[in-house]
C-alpha atoms as a PDB file:
ATOM      1  CA  MET A   1       7.676  22.480 -10.341  1.00  0.00           C
ATOM      2  CA  LYS A   2      10.832  20.337 -10.207  1.00  0.00           C
ATOM      3  CA  LEU A   3      10.598  16.564 -10.573  1.00  0.00           C
ATOM      4  CA  ASP A   4      12.494  14.584  -7.936  1.00  0.00           C
ATOM      5  CA  PRO A   5      15.492  12.589  -9.212  1.00  0.00           C
ATOM      6  CA  ALA A   6      13.976   9.332  -7.910  1.00  0.00           C
ATOM      7  CA  VAL A   7      11.062   9.709 -10.341  1.00  0.00           C
ATOM      8  CA  ILE A   8      13.381  10.796 -13.150  1.00  0.00           C
ATOM      9  CA  GLU A   9      15.350   7.580 -12.614  1.00  0.00           C
ATOM     10  CA  LEU A  10      12.235   5.384 -12.335  1.00  0.00           C
ATOM     11  CA  LEU A  11      10.800   6.605 -15.637  1.00  0.00           C
ATOM     12  CA  LYS A  12      14.167   7.140 -17.398  1.00  0.00           C
ATOM     13  CA  LEU A  13      13.248  10.709 -18.321  1.00  0.00           C
ATOM     14  CA  ASP A  14      15.277  13.616 -19.611  1.00  0.00           C
ATOM     15  CA  PRO A  15      14.807  16.321 -16.962  1.00  0.00           C
ATOM     16  CA  GLU A  16      15.452  19.041 -19.537  1.00  0.00           C
ATOM     17  CA  LYS A  17      12.446  17.847 -21.544  1.00  0.00           C
ATOM     18  CA  THR A  18      10.131  17.139 -18.603  1.00  0.00           C
ATOM     19  CA  SER A  19       7.693  19.349 -16.691  1.00  0.00           C
ATOM     20  CA  VAL A  20       5.368  18.835 -13.734  1.00  0.00           C
ATOM     21  CA  SER A  21       2.037  20.563 -13.132  1.00  0.00           C
ATOM     22  CA  SER A  22      -0.823  20.205 -10.667  1.00  0.00           C
ATOM     23  CA  ALA A  23      -3.598  17.715 -11.495  1.00  0.00           C
ATOM     24  CA  GLY A  24      -6.976  16.940  -9.961  1.00  0.00           C
ATOM     25  CA  GLY A  25      -8.045  13.731  -8.238  1.00  0.00           C
ATOM     26  CA  GLY A  26      -6.190  11.603  -5.746  1.00  0.00           C
ATOM     27  CA  GLY A  27      -8.611   9.237  -4.046  1.00  0.00           C
ATOM     28  CA  CYS A  28      -7.607  10.078  -0.461  1.00  0.00           C
ATOM     29  CA  SER A  29      -7.490  13.068   1.835  1.00  0.00           C
ATOM     30  CA  SER A  30      -3.719  13.147   2.262  1.00  0.00           C
ATOM     31  CA  ALA A  31      -2.436  12.852  -1.333  1.00  0.00           C
ATOM     32  CA  SER A  32      -1.394  15.603  -3.709  1.00  0.00           C
ATOM     33  CA  THR A  33      -1.539  14.936  -7.447  1.00  0.00           C
ATOM     34  CA  SER A  34       0.529  16.046 -10.428  1.00  0.00           C
ATOM     35  CA  LYS A  35       0.812  15.539 -14.175  1.00  0.00           C
ATOM     36  CA  ILE A  36       4.243  14.750 -15.575  1.00  0.00           C
ATOM     37  CA  SER A  37       4.753  15.709 -19.226  1.00  0.00           C
ATOM     38  CA  THR A  38       7.838  14.746 -21.173  1.00  0.00           C
ATOM     39  CA  THR A  39       8.956  15.111 -24.792  1.00  0.00           C
ATOM     40  CA  LEU A  40      10.153  11.871 -26.403  1.00  0.00           C
ATOM     41  CA  GLY A  41      13.028  11.426 -28.822  1.00  0.00           C
ATOM     42  CA  ASP A  42      10.680  11.376 -31.819  1.00  0.00           C
ATOM     43  CA  GLY A  43       9.083  14.653 -30.759  1.00  0.00           C
ATOM     44  CA  GLY A  44       5.976  13.037 -29.330  1.00  0.00           C
ATOM     45  CA  GLU A  45       4.682  13.682 -25.819  1.00  0.00           C
ATOM     46  CA  MET A  46       4.146  11.224 -22.964  1.00  0.00           C
ATOM     47  CA  MET A  47       2.201  12.009 -19.791  1.00  0.00           C
ATOM     48  CA  TYR A  48       2.147  10.345 -16.371  1.00  0.00           C
ATOM     49  CA  PHE A  49       0.040  10.815 -13.242  1.00  0.00           C
ATOM     50  CA  MET A  50       1.783  11.119  -9.862  1.00  0.00           C
ATOM     51  CA  LYS A  51       0.468  11.052  -6.307  1.00  0.00           C
ATOM     52  CA  THR A  52       2.596  12.254  -3.400  1.00  0.00           C
ATOM     53  CA  GLY A  53       2.122  12.221   0.349  1.00  0.00           C
ATOM     54  CA  LYS A  54       4.116  12.416   3.562  1.00  0.00           C
ATOM     55  CA  GLY A  55       4.712   9.849   6.266  1.00  0.00           C
ATOM     56  CA  GLU A  56       4.176   6.150   6.772  1.00  0.00           C
ATOM     57  CA  ASP A  57       0.474   6.280   5.921  1.00  0.00           C
ATOM     58  CA  ALA A  58       1.258   7.561   2.421  1.00  0.00           C
ATOM     59  CA  ARG A  59       3.949   4.928   1.919  1.00  0.00           C
ATOM     60  CA  VAL A  60       1.534   2.115   2.844  1.00  0.00           C
ATOM     61  CA  MET A  61      -1.249   3.621   0.736  1.00  0.00           C
ATOM     62  CA  PHE A  62       0.885   3.931  -2.397  1.00  0.00           C
ATOM     63  CA  GLU A  63       2.392   0.472  -2.012  1.00  0.00           C
ATOM     64  CA  GLY A  64      -1.118  -0.953  -1.792  1.00  0.00           C
ATOM     65  CA  GLU A  65      -2.436   1.027  -4.743  1.00  0.00           C
ATOM     66  CA  HIS A  66       0.575   0.053  -6.870  1.00  0.00           C
ATOM     67  CA  ALA A  67      -0.074  -3.644  -6.152  1.00  0.00           C
ATOM     68  CA  SER A  68      -3.820  -3.157  -6.715  1.00  0.00           C
ATOM     69  CA  LEU A  69      -3.408  -1.548 -10.130  1.00  0.00           C
ATOM     70  CA  ALA A  70      -0.847  -4.169 -11.125  1.00  0.00           C
ATOM     71  CA  ALA A  71      -3.219  -7.020 -10.214  1.00  0.00           C
ATOM     72  CA  ILE A  72      -6.196  -5.484 -12.031  1.00  0.00           C
ATOM     73  CA  HIS A  73      -4.096  -4.496 -15.048  1.00  0.00           C
ATOM     74  CA  ALA A  74      -2.678  -8.037 -15.305  1.00  0.00           C
ATOM     75  CA  ALA A  75      -6.197  -9.475 -15.582  1.00  0.00           C
ATOM     76  CA  VAL A  76      -7.905  -6.738 -17.652  1.00  0.00           C
ATOM     77  CA  PRO A  77      -5.294  -4.331 -19.080  1.00  0.00           C
ATOM     78  CA  ASN A  78      -7.774  -1.771 -20.430  1.00  0.00           C
ATOM     79  CA  LEU A  79      -9.750  -1.482 -17.168  1.00  0.00           C
ATOM     80  CA  CYS A  80      -7.365   0.714 -15.169  1.00  0.00           C
ATOM     81  CA  PRO A  81      -4.180   2.756 -15.488  1.00  0.00           C
ATOM     82  CA  ASN A  82      -0.953   0.804 -15.144  1.00  0.00           C
ATOM     83  CA  SER A  83       1.370   1.676 -12.279  1.00  0.00           C
ATOM     84  CA  PHE A  84       5.032   2.275 -13.074  1.00  0.00           C
ATOM     85  CA  GLY A  85       6.230   2.230  -9.490  1.00  0.00           C
ATOM     86  CA  HIS A  86       6.295   3.833  -6.062  1.00  0.00           C
ATOM     87  CA  GLY A  87       8.897   4.866  -3.547  1.00  0.00           C
ATOM     88  CA  GLN A  88      10.377   7.797  -1.638  1.00  0.00           C
ATOM     89  CA  PHE A  89      11.793  11.017  -3.034  1.00  0.00           C
ATOM     90  CA  SER A  90      15.580  11.053  -2.932  1.00  0.00           C
ATOM     91  CA  GLU A  91      15.717  14.749  -2.007  1.00  0.00           C
ATOM     92  CA  ASN A  92      12.954  14.464   0.601  1.00  0.00           C
ATOM     93  CA  PRO A  93      12.669  10.846   1.851  1.00  0.00           C
ATOM     94  CA  SER A  94       9.666  11.653   4.052  1.00  0.00           C
ATOM     95  CA  THR A  95       7.620  12.132   0.855  1.00  0.00           C
ATOM     96  CA  SER A  96       6.339   9.022  -0.923  1.00  0.00           C
ATOM     97  CA  TYR A  97       5.139   8.865  -4.502  1.00  0.00           C
ATOM     98  CA  LEU A  98       3.171   6.671  -6.915  1.00  0.00           C
ATOM     99  CA  VAL A  99       3.396   7.046 -10.707  1.00  0.00           C
ATOM    100  CA  THR A 100       0.775   5.652 -13.097  1.00  0.00           C
ATOM    101  CA  ASP A 101      -0.489   6.123 -16.624  1.00  0.00           C
ATOM    102  CA  PHE A 102      -2.127   9.502 -17.082  1.00  0.00           C
ATOM    103  CA  LEU A 103      -5.870   9.024 -17.405  1.00  0.00           C
ATOM    104  CA  ASP A 104      -7.610  11.606 -19.575  1.00  0.00           C
ATOM    105  CA  LEU A 105     -11.149  11.546 -18.200  1.00  0.00           C
ATOM    106  CA  SER A 106     -14.062  12.553 -20.382  1.00  0.00           C
ATOM    107  CA  SER A 107     -17.714  11.560 -20.082  1.00  0.00           C
ATOM    108  CA  ARG A 108     -19.730   9.331 -17.782  1.00  0.00           C
ATOM    109  CA  LEU A 109     -20.046   5.554 -17.748  1.00  0.00           C
ATOM    110  CA  SER A 110     -21.882   3.732 -20.502  1.00  0.00           C
ATOM    111  CA  SER A 111     -25.001   1.942 -19.299  1.00  0.00           C
ATOM    112  CA  SER A 112     -24.270  -1.359 -21.060  1.00  0.00           C
ATOM    113  CA  SER A 113     -21.987  -2.998 -23.564  1.00  0.00           C
ATOM    114  CA  THR A 114     -24.405  -2.094 -26.347  1.00  0.00           C
ATOM    115  CA  SER A 115     -23.555   1.583 -26.057  1.00  0.00           C
ATOM    116  CA  THR A 116     -21.229   3.110 -28.626  1.00  0.00           C
ATOM    117  CA  SER A 117     -18.660   5.835 -28.351  1.00  0.00           C
ATOM    118  CA  THR A 118     -19.845   9.241 -29.445  1.00  0.00           C
ATOM    119  CA  LYS A 119     -16.450   9.694 -31.055  1.00  0.00           C
ATOM    120  CA  SER A 120     -16.738   6.594 -33.235  1.00  0.00           C
ATOM    121  CA  LYS A 121     -17.405   7.593 -36.856  1.00  0.00           C
ATOM    122  CA  SER A 122     -17.386   4.155 -38.452  1.00  0.00           C
ATOM    123  CA  LYS A 123     -20.626   2.190 -38.365  1.00  0.00           C
ATOM    124  CA  SER A 124     -18.672  -1.054 -38.636  1.00  0.00           C
ATOM    125  CA  SER A 125     -16.298  -0.301 -35.754  1.00  0.00           C
ATOM    126  CA  ILE A 126     -16.669  -2.431 -32.633  1.00  0.00           C
ATOM    127  CA  PRO A 127     -17.238  -0.336 -29.508  1.00  0.00           C
ATOM    128  CA  PRO A 128     -14.922  -0.970 -26.542  1.00  0.00           C
ATOM    129  CA  PRO A 129     -16.282  -3.272 -23.838  1.00  0.00           C
ATOM    130  CA  SER A 130     -18.444  -1.725 -21.128  1.00  0.00           C
ATOM    131  CA  LEU A 131     -17.573  -1.548 -17.456  1.00  0.00           C
ATOM    132  CA  ALA A 132     -19.925  -4.476 -16.805  1.00  0.00           C
ATOM    133  CA  ALA A 133     -18.094  -6.620 -19.369  1.00  0.00           C
ATOM    134  CA  LYS A 134     -14.666  -5.616 -18.082  1.00  0.00           C
ATOM    135  CA  LEU A 135     -15.653  -6.199 -14.471  1.00  0.00           C
ATOM    136  CA  ALA A 136     -17.111  -9.582 -15.416  1.00  0.00           C
ATOM    137  CA  ARG A 137     -13.786 -10.538 -16.977  1.00  0.00           C
ATOM    138  CA  LEU A 138     -11.956  -9.386 -13.843  1.00  0.00           C
ATOM    139  CA  HIS A 139     -14.316 -11.343 -11.599  1.00  0.00           C
ATOM    140  CA  THR A 140     -13.978 -14.581 -13.567  1.00  0.00           C
ATOM    141  CA  THR A 141     -10.166 -14.583 -13.638  1.00  0.00           C
ATOM    142  CA  PRO A 142      -8.960 -16.810 -10.760  1.00  0.00           C
ATOM    143  CA  ALA A 143      -6.430 -15.286  -8.388  1.00  0.00           C
ATOM    144  CA  PRO A 144      -2.839 -16.528  -8.616  1.00  0.00           C
ATOM    145  CA  THR A 145      -1.445 -18.895  -6.003  1.00  0.00           C
ATOM    146  CA  PRO A 146       0.738 -16.882  -3.602  1.00  0.00           C
ATOM    147  CA  PRO A 147       4.318 -18.020  -2.900  1.00  0.00           C
ATOM    148  CA  GLY A 148       4.379 -20.549  -0.083  1.00  0.00           C
ATOM    149  CA  HIS A 149       0.789 -21.687  -0.665  1.00  0.00           C
ATOM    150  CA  LYS A 150      -0.611 -24.609  -2.629  1.00  0.00           C
ATOM    151  CA  SER A 151      -3.794 -22.892  -3.831  1.00  0.00           C
ATOM    152  CA  PRO A 152      -5.191 -19.364  -4.340  1.00  0.00           C
ATOM    153  CA  GLN A 153      -5.966 -17.534  -1.099  1.00  0.00           C
ATOM    154  CA  PHE A 154      -8.318 -14.785   0.026  1.00  0.00           C
ATOM    155  CA  GLY A 155      -6.405 -11.636   0.945  1.00  0.00           C
ATOM    156  CA  PHE A 156      -3.605  -9.746  -0.776  1.00  0.00           C
ATOM    157  CA  PRO A 157       0.205  -9.635  -0.639  1.00  0.00           C
ATOM    158  CA  VAL A 158       0.259  -6.137   0.934  1.00  0.00           C
ATOM    159  CA  PRO A 159      -2.115  -3.959   2.962  1.00  0.00           C
ATOM    160  CA  THR A 160      -4.412  -1.755   0.879  1.00  0.00           C
ATOM    161  CA  CYS A 161      -6.278   1.378   1.915  1.00  0.00           C
ATOM    162  CA  CYS A 162     -10.029   1.805   1.553  1.00  0.00           C
ATOM    163  CA  GLY A 163     -10.280   5.554   1.870  1.00  0.00           C
ATOM    164  CA  ASP A 164      -7.675   6.293   4.532  1.00  0.00           C
ATOM    165  CA  THR A 165      -8.152   2.927   6.304  1.00  0.00           C
ATOM    166  CA  PRO A 166      -5.212   0.513   5.929  1.00  0.00           C
ATOM    167  CA  GLN A 167      -6.783  -2.951   5.667  1.00  0.00           C
ATOM    168  CA  ASP A 168      -5.631  -6.312   6.992  1.00  0.00           C
ATOM    169  CA  ASN A 169      -5.143  -8.550   3.941  1.00  0.00           C
ATOM    170  CA  THR A 170      -3.548 -11.537   5.683  1.00  0.00           C
ATOM    171  CA  TYR A 171      -4.002 -14.595   3.466  1.00  0.00           C
ATOM    172  CA  ASN A 172      -6.748 -17.017   4.471  1.00  0.00           C
ATOM    173  CA  PRO A 173      -7.991 -20.146   2.635  1.00  0.00           C
ATOM    174  CA  SER A 174     -11.556 -19.543   3.907  1.00  0.00           C
ATOM    175  CA  TRP A 175     -13.639 -16.685   2.551  1.00  0.00           C
ATOM    176  CA  SER A 176     -16.019 -16.636   5.528  1.00  0.00           C
ATOM    177  CA  SER A 177     -13.095 -16.545   7.955  1.00  0.00           C
ATOM    178  CA  PHE A 178     -11.360 -13.784   5.983  1.00  0.00           C
ATOM    179  CA  TYR A 179     -14.491 -11.642   5.856  1.00  0.00           C
ATOM    180  CA  ALA A 180     -15.334 -12.155   9.528  1.00  0.00           C
ATOM    181  CA  ASN A 181     -11.819 -11.491  10.812  1.00  0.00           C
ATOM    182  CA  SER A 182      -9.995  -9.282   8.306  1.00  0.00           C
ATOM    183  CA  ARG A 183     -12.971  -7.124   7.463  1.00  0.00           C
ATOM    184  CA  LEU A 184     -15.760  -7.013  10.080  1.00  0.00           C
ATOM    185  CA  ARG A 185     -13.817  -7.630  13.309  1.00  0.00           C
ATOM    186  CA  PHE A 186     -10.910  -5.595  11.957  1.00  0.00           C
ATOM    187  CA  ILE A 187     -13.000  -2.521  11.178  1.00  0.00           C
ATOM    188  CA  GLY A 188     -14.969  -2.988  14.405  1.00  0.00           C
ATOM    189  CA  ARG A 189     -11.768  -2.364  16.351  1.00  0.00           C
ATOM    190  CA  ARG A 190     -11.400   0.976  14.532  1.00  0.00           C
ATOM    191  CA  CYS A 191     -14.900   2.119  15.451  1.00  0.00           C
ATOM    192  CA  SER A 192     -15.756   3.730  18.776  1.00  0.00           C
ATOM    193  CA  PRO A 193     -14.231   1.556  21.537  1.00  0.00           C
ATOM    194  CA  ASP A 194     -16.926   2.633  24.030  1.00  0.00           C
ATOM    195  CA  ASP A 195     -19.875   1.643  21.826  1.00  0.00           C
ATOM    196  CA  ALA A 196     -20.888  -1.644  23.457  1.00  0.00           C
ATOM    197  CA  GLU A 197     -24.031  -2.070  21.352  1.00  0.00           C
ATOM    198  CA  LEU A 198     -22.129  -1.707  18.075  1.00  0.00           C
ATOM    199  CA  ALA A 199     -19.362  -4.045  19.227  1.00  0.00           C
ATOM    200  CA  GLU A 200     -21.874  -6.720  20.233  1.00  0.00           C
ATOM    201  CA  LEU A 201     -23.727  -6.472  16.922  1.00  0.00           C
ATOM    202  CA  ILE A 202     -20.483  -6.745  14.953  1.00  0.00           C
ATOM    203  CA  GLU A 203     -19.398  -9.802  16.921  1.00  0.00           C
ATOM    204  CA  THR A 204     -22.772 -11.512  16.515  1.00  0.00           C
ATOM    205  CA  THR A 205     -22.730 -10.777  12.803  1.00  0.00           C
ATOM    206  CA  ALA A 206     -19.170 -12.082  12.429  1.00  0.00           C
ATOM    207  CA  SER A 207     -19.741 -15.226  14.482  1.00  0.00           C
ATOM    208  CA  LYS A 208     -23.289 -16.133  13.378  1.00  0.00           C
ATOM    209  CA  VAL A 209     -24.369 -14.378  10.186  1.00  0.00           C
ATOM    210  CA  VAL A 210     -21.105 -14.600   8.242  1.00  0.00           C
ATOM    211  CA  PRO A 211     -20.677 -18.382   8.634  1.00  0.00           C
ATOM    212  CA  ARG A 212     -24.367 -18.916   7.859  1.00  0.00           C
ATOM    213  CA  LEU A 213     -24.369 -16.813   4.661  1.00  0.00           C
ATOM    214  CA  LEU A 214     -20.774 -17.229   3.487  1.00  0.00           C
ATOM    215  CA  GLY A 215     -19.763 -20.625   4.875  1.00  0.00           C
ATOM    216  CA  ASP A 216     -17.439 -22.503   2.553  1.00  0.00           C
ATOM    217  CA  ARG A 217     -19.702 -25.570   2.538  1.00  0.00           C
ATOM    218  CA  HIS A 218     -22.789 -23.418   1.994  1.00  0.00           C
ATOM    219  CA  LEU A 219     -21.969 -21.416  -1.123  1.00  0.00           C
ATOM    220  CA  ASN A 220     -22.316 -22.909  -4.608  1.00  0.00           C
ATOM    221  CA  HIS A 221     -23.732 -26.213  -3.364  1.00  0.00           C
ATOM    222  CA  GLY A 222     -20.733 -26.902  -1.170  1.00  0.00           C
ATOM    223  CA  LYS A 223     -18.087 -25.916  -3.702  1.00  0.00           C
ATOM    224  CA  GLY A 224     -17.408 -22.531  -2.096  1.00  0.00           C
ATOM    225  CA  VAL A 225     -16.157 -19.540  -4.091  1.00  0.00           C
ATOM    226  CA  THR A 226     -12.956 -18.924  -6.020  1.00  0.00           C
ATOM    227  CA  PRO A 227     -10.877 -15.881  -5.033  1.00  0.00           C
ATOM    228  CA  VAL A 228     -10.679 -13.251  -7.781  1.00  0.00           C
ATOM    229  CA  VAL A 229      -9.167  -9.789  -7.768  1.00  0.00           C
ATOM    230  CA  ILE A 230     -11.647  -7.025  -7.006  1.00  0.00           C
ATOM    231  CA  HIS A 231     -11.232  -3.237  -7.139  1.00  0.00           C
ATOM    232  CA  GLY A 232     -12.302  -3.004  -3.503  1.00  0.00           C
ATOM    233  CA  ASP A 233     -13.525   0.612  -3.411  1.00  0.00           C
ATOM    234  CA  LEU A 234     -15.685   0.752  -6.519  1.00  0.00           C
ATOM    235  CA  TRP A 235     -18.153   3.540  -5.883  1.00  0.00           C
ATOM    236  CA  SER A 236     -19.236   5.709  -8.815  1.00  0.00           C
ATOM    237  CA  GLY A 237     -16.586   8.330  -8.041  1.00  0.00           C
ATOM    238  CA  ASN A 238     -13.853   5.793  -8.820  1.00  0.00           C
ATOM    239  CA  ALA A 239     -15.205   4.888 -12.283  1.00  0.00           C
ATOM    240  CA  SER A 240     -15.645   6.997 -15.397  1.00  0.00           C
ATOM    241  CA  ARG A 241     -14.874   7.153 -19.100  1.00  0.00           C
ATOM    242  CA  GLY A 242     -11.443   8.177 -20.228  1.00  0.00           C
ATOM    243  CA  CYS A 243      -8.393   7.430 -22.336  1.00  0.00           C
ATOM    244  CA  ILE A 244      -5.430   5.613 -20.851  1.00  0.00           C
ATOM    245  CA  ALA A 245      -2.133   6.108 -22.678  1.00  0.00           C
ATOM    246  CA  GLY A 246      -2.246   4.332 -26.026  1.00  0.00           C
ATOM    247  CA  GLN A 247      -6.051   4.266 -26.320  1.00  0.00           C
ATOM    248  CA  THR A 248      -7.607   6.111 -29.249  1.00  0.00           C
ATOM    249  CA  GLU A 249     -11.101   6.610 -27.807  1.00  0.00           C
ATOM    250  CA  PRO A 250     -12.661   6.845 -24.333  1.00  0.00           C
ATOM    251  CA  GLN A 251     -13.455   3.614 -22.514  1.00  0.00           C
ATOM    252  CA  ASP A 252     -15.023   2.715 -19.188  1.00  0.00           C
ATOM    253  CA  VAL A 253     -12.210   2.740 -16.647  1.00  0.00           C
ATOM    254  CA  VAL A 254     -11.640   2.504 -12.880  1.00  0.00           C
ATOM    255  CA  TYR A 255      -8.970   3.984 -10.617  1.00  0.00           C
ATOM    256  CA  ASP A 256      -8.048   4.606  -6.960  1.00  0.00           C
ATOM    257  CA  SER A 257      -8.273   0.878  -6.297  1.00  0.00           C
ATOM    258  CA  SER A 258      -8.026  -0.972  -2.987  1.00  0.00           C
ATOM    259  CA  ALA A 259      -7.764  -4.509  -4.303  1.00  0.00           C
ATOM    260  CA  CYS A 260      -7.836  -7.893  -2.652  1.00  0.00           C
ATOM    261  CA  TYR A 261      -8.533 -11.465  -3.705  1.00  0.00           C
ATOM    262  CA  ALA A 262     -12.125 -11.998  -2.634  1.00  0.00           C
ATOM    263  CA  HIS A 263     -15.585 -13.293  -3.489  1.00  0.00           C
ATOM    264  CA  SER A 264     -16.664 -11.443  -6.626  1.00  0.00           C
ATOM    265  CA  GLU A 265     -19.945 -10.311  -5.035  1.00  0.00           C
ATOM    266  CA  TYR A 266     -18.017  -8.426  -2.350  1.00  0.00           C
ATOM    267  CA  GLU A 267     -17.366  -5.780  -5.023  1.00  0.00           C
ATOM    268  CA  LEU A 268     -21.088  -5.099  -5.278  1.00  0.00           C
ATOM    269  CA  GLY A 269     -21.523  -4.006  -1.651  1.00  0.00           C
ATOM    270  CA  ILE A 270     -20.085  -0.518  -2.011  1.00  0.00           C
ATOM    271  CA  MET A 271     -21.527  -0.244  -5.522  1.00  0.00           C
ATOM    272  CA  ARG A 272     -25.003  -0.670  -4.024  1.00  0.00           C
ATOM    273  CA  MET A 273     -24.283   1.573  -1.035  1.00  0.00           C
ATOM    274  CA  PHE A 274     -23.603   4.674  -3.104  1.00  0.00           C
ATOM    275  CA  GLY A 275     -25.467   3.753  -6.300  1.00  0.00           C
ATOM    276  CA  GLY A 276     -24.708   5.203  -9.695  1.00  0.00           C
ATOM    277  CA  PHE A 277     -24.430   1.973 -11.697  1.00  0.00           C
ATOM    278  CA  GLY A 278     -28.060   1.138 -12.381  1.00  0.00           C
ATOM    279  CA  ALA A 279     -30.203  -1.821 -13.352  1.00  0.00           C
ATOM    280  CA  ALA A 280     -28.793  -2.076 -16.892  1.00  0.00           C
ATOM    281  CA  PHE A 281     -25.301  -2.523 -15.496  1.00  0.00           C
ATOM    282  CA  LEU A 282     -26.377  -5.318 -13.139  1.00  0.00           C
ATOM    283  CA  LYS A 283     -28.405  -7.068 -15.835  1.00  0.00           C
ATOM    284  CA  GLU A 284     -25.430  -7.135 -18.187  1.00  0.00           C
ATOM    285  CA  TYR A 285     -22.982  -8.055 -15.436  1.00  0.00           C
ATOM    286  CA  HIS A 286     -25.033 -10.949 -14.084  1.00  0.00           C
ATOM    287  CA  GLY A 287     -25.603 -12.199 -17.607  1.00  0.00           C
ATOM    288  CA  LEU A 288     -21.852 -12.799 -17.607  1.00  0.00           C
ATOM    289  CA  VAL A 289     -21.310 -13.573 -13.907  1.00  0.00           C
ATOM    290  CA  PRO A 290     -24.323 -15.476 -12.525  1.00  0.00           C
ATOM    291  CA  LYS A 291     -25.295 -14.873  -8.919  1.00  0.00           C
ATOM    292  CA  THR A 292     -23.614 -17.207  -6.454  1.00  0.00           C
ATOM    293  CA  GLU A 293     -25.850 -20.001  -5.185  1.00  0.00           C
ATOM    294  CA  PRO A 294     -28.034 -19.932  -3.220  1.00  0.00           C
ATOM    295  CA  ALA A 295     -29.266 -17.102  -5.435  1.00  0.00           C
ATOM    296  CA  GLU A 296     -32.217 -16.412  -3.122  1.00  0.00           C
ATOM    297  CA  GLU A 297     -29.720 -15.164  -0.500  1.00  0.00           C
ATOM    298  CA  TYR A 298     -27.992 -12.795  -2.936  1.00  0.00           C
ATOM    299  CA  ASP A 299     -29.552  -9.574  -1.607  1.00  0.00           C
ATOM    300  CA  ASP A 300     -28.616 -10.486   1.972  1.00  0.00           C
ATOM    301  CA  ARG A 301     -25.033 -11.288   0.958  1.00  0.00           C
ATOM    302  CA  ILE A 302     -24.716  -7.910  -0.764  1.00  0.00           C
ATOM    303  CA  ALA A 303     -26.123  -6.208   2.345  1.00  0.00           C
ATOM    304  CA  LEU A 304     -23.539  -8.064   4.426  1.00  0.00           C
ATOM    305  CA  TYR A 305     -20.787  -6.822   2.104  1.00  0.00           C
ATOM    306  CA  GLU A 306     -22.222  -3.303   2.152  1.00  0.00           C
ATOM    307  CA  LEU A 307     -22.012  -3.415   5.953  1.00  0.00           C
ATOM    308  CA  TYR A 308     -18.222  -3.267   5.896  1.00  0.00           C
ATOM    309  CA  HIS A 309     -18.290   0.038   4.039  1.00  0.00           C
ATOM    310  CA  HIS A 310     -20.843   1.554   6.434  1.00  0.00           C
ATOM    311  CA  LEU A 311     -18.545   0.594   9.315  1.00  0.00           C
ATOM    312  CA  ASN A 312     -15.472   1.902   7.517  1.00  0.00           C
ATOM    313  CA  HIS A 313     -17.160   5.224   6.794  1.00  0.00           C
ATOM    314  CA  TYR A 314     -18.286   5.407  10.420  1.00  0.00           C
ATOM    315  CA  ALA A 315     -14.711   4.767  11.589  1.00  0.00           C
ATOM    316  CA  LEU A 316     -13.435   7.485   9.235  1.00  0.00           C
ATOM    317  CA  PHE A 317     -16.184  10.106   9.421  1.00  0.00           C
ATOM    318  CA  GLY A 318     -18.607   9.202  12.225  1.00  0.00           C
ATOM    319  CA  GLY A 319     -22.131  10.536  11.932  1.00  0.00           C
ATOM    320  CA  GLY A 320     -25.043   8.735  10.322  1.00  0.00           C
ATOM    321  CA  TYR A 321     -23.058   5.792   8.969  1.00  0.00           C
ATOM    322  CA  ARG A 322     -23.507   4.067  12.329  1.00  0.00           C
ATOM    323  CA  GLY A 323     -27.263   3.954  11.806  1.00  0.00           C
ATOM    324  CA  GLY A 324     -26.877   2.326   8.405  1.00  0.00           C
ATOM    325  CA  ALA A 325     -24.552  -0.311   9.842  1.00  0.00           C
ATOM    326  CA  VAL A 326     -26.792  -1.042  12.824  1.00  0.00           C
ATOM    327  CA  GLY A 327     -29.856  -1.351  10.575  1.00  0.00           C
ATOM    328  CA  ILE A 328     -28.148  -3.911   8.337  1.00  0.00           C
ATOM    329  CA  MET A 329     -26.860  -5.944  11.275  1.00  0.00           C
ATOM    330  CA  ARG A 330     -30.138  -6.013  13.172  1.00  0.00           C
ATOM    331  CA  ARG A 331     -31.976  -7.274  10.119  1.00  0.00           C
ATOM    332  CA  LEU A 332     -29.396  -9.937   9.259  1.00  0.00           C
ATOM    333  CA  VAL A 333     -28.970 -11.083  12.864  1.00  0.00           C
ATOM    334  CA  GLY A 334     -32.752 -11.338  13.197  1.00  0.00           C
ATOM    335  CA  LYS A 335     -32.927 -13.463  10.064  1.00  0.00           C
ATOM    336  CA  TYR A 336     -29.787 -15.600  10.317  1.00  0.00           C
ATOM    337  CA  GLY A 337     -28.319 -15.227  13.792  1.00  0.00           C
ATOM    338  CA  LYS A 338     -30.495 -17.627  15.759  1.00  0.00           C
ATOM    339  CA  GLY A 339     -29.527 -21.086  14.508  1.00  0.00           C
ATOM    340  CA  GLU A 340     -26.278 -22.995  14.304  1.00  0.00           C
ATOM    341  CA  ALA A 341     -23.678 -21.466  12.047  1.00  0.00           C
ATOM    342  CA  GLU A 342     -22.762 -23.526   9.009  1.00  0.00           C
ATOM    343  CA  LEU A 343     -19.012 -23.409   8.499  1.00  0.00           C
END
């Protein structure tokens, strides 16, 4: 397989010492994946991971994933592969590409930070931090202030794709407004346009439940929440153990990210929806990142965040995801949708 000159130029490779082969993974239905191997001047070998896809959807997806990996990597460098860049092939401009560190995946996630690597032979060696510890660090690193703004915002500088859904990440100073408009109402418009019951439930949830549970004067005793970068699509299939370039032993890592600057608990919605992380993970994580106050509403907030992913999966795949979304909304509307919304 021949490597396009645009990628050769991006990575400053010697084409005579570089090969490309097929690789697994990809994170979306429309992407193809490859491994780039090149021989360095000292005789060593360097490997990269490349995704390719055709059309505007692929261009938007790769731009969003590049920005997502860059934001996560800036906060917690050993949590995800670094992205080297994205663009269009010079010989076939309709094909877009994304190039990242090659991630050599091995075993499953550790259950807590007390676990040790099976490859570690020294009793005195310090095991790498667990996913819970890395995610806690990510979720306690405040988002940067975007150009043109005076404070950190909820949103992201570019659209990102959750699955194949390009998301609206328009900056917003209010978390409740961002979640109601750029997540629930946004994904509602991508669901069945003739489903009046679903549309009404989404609107009631966005206008009543979201302000009541996520209102800026309600959370953390009126202090609101600080935007932090989140992975955005962190189900168990997007987390594993593996070695990123330069690492000497497997660590807990994430990939195929769909980042935005958000409330840290938003991350936990899809993690609960599909499971796979377990009680030990949550115990360790919340020992480092306490539940947002009021803590007694935590489970309902996570259900509200899980709702978005039910709706997104319904928009993408149809089927039984509608029932999960309707069940969450009926319960939350019944509990929180009757009184005045607290903004």
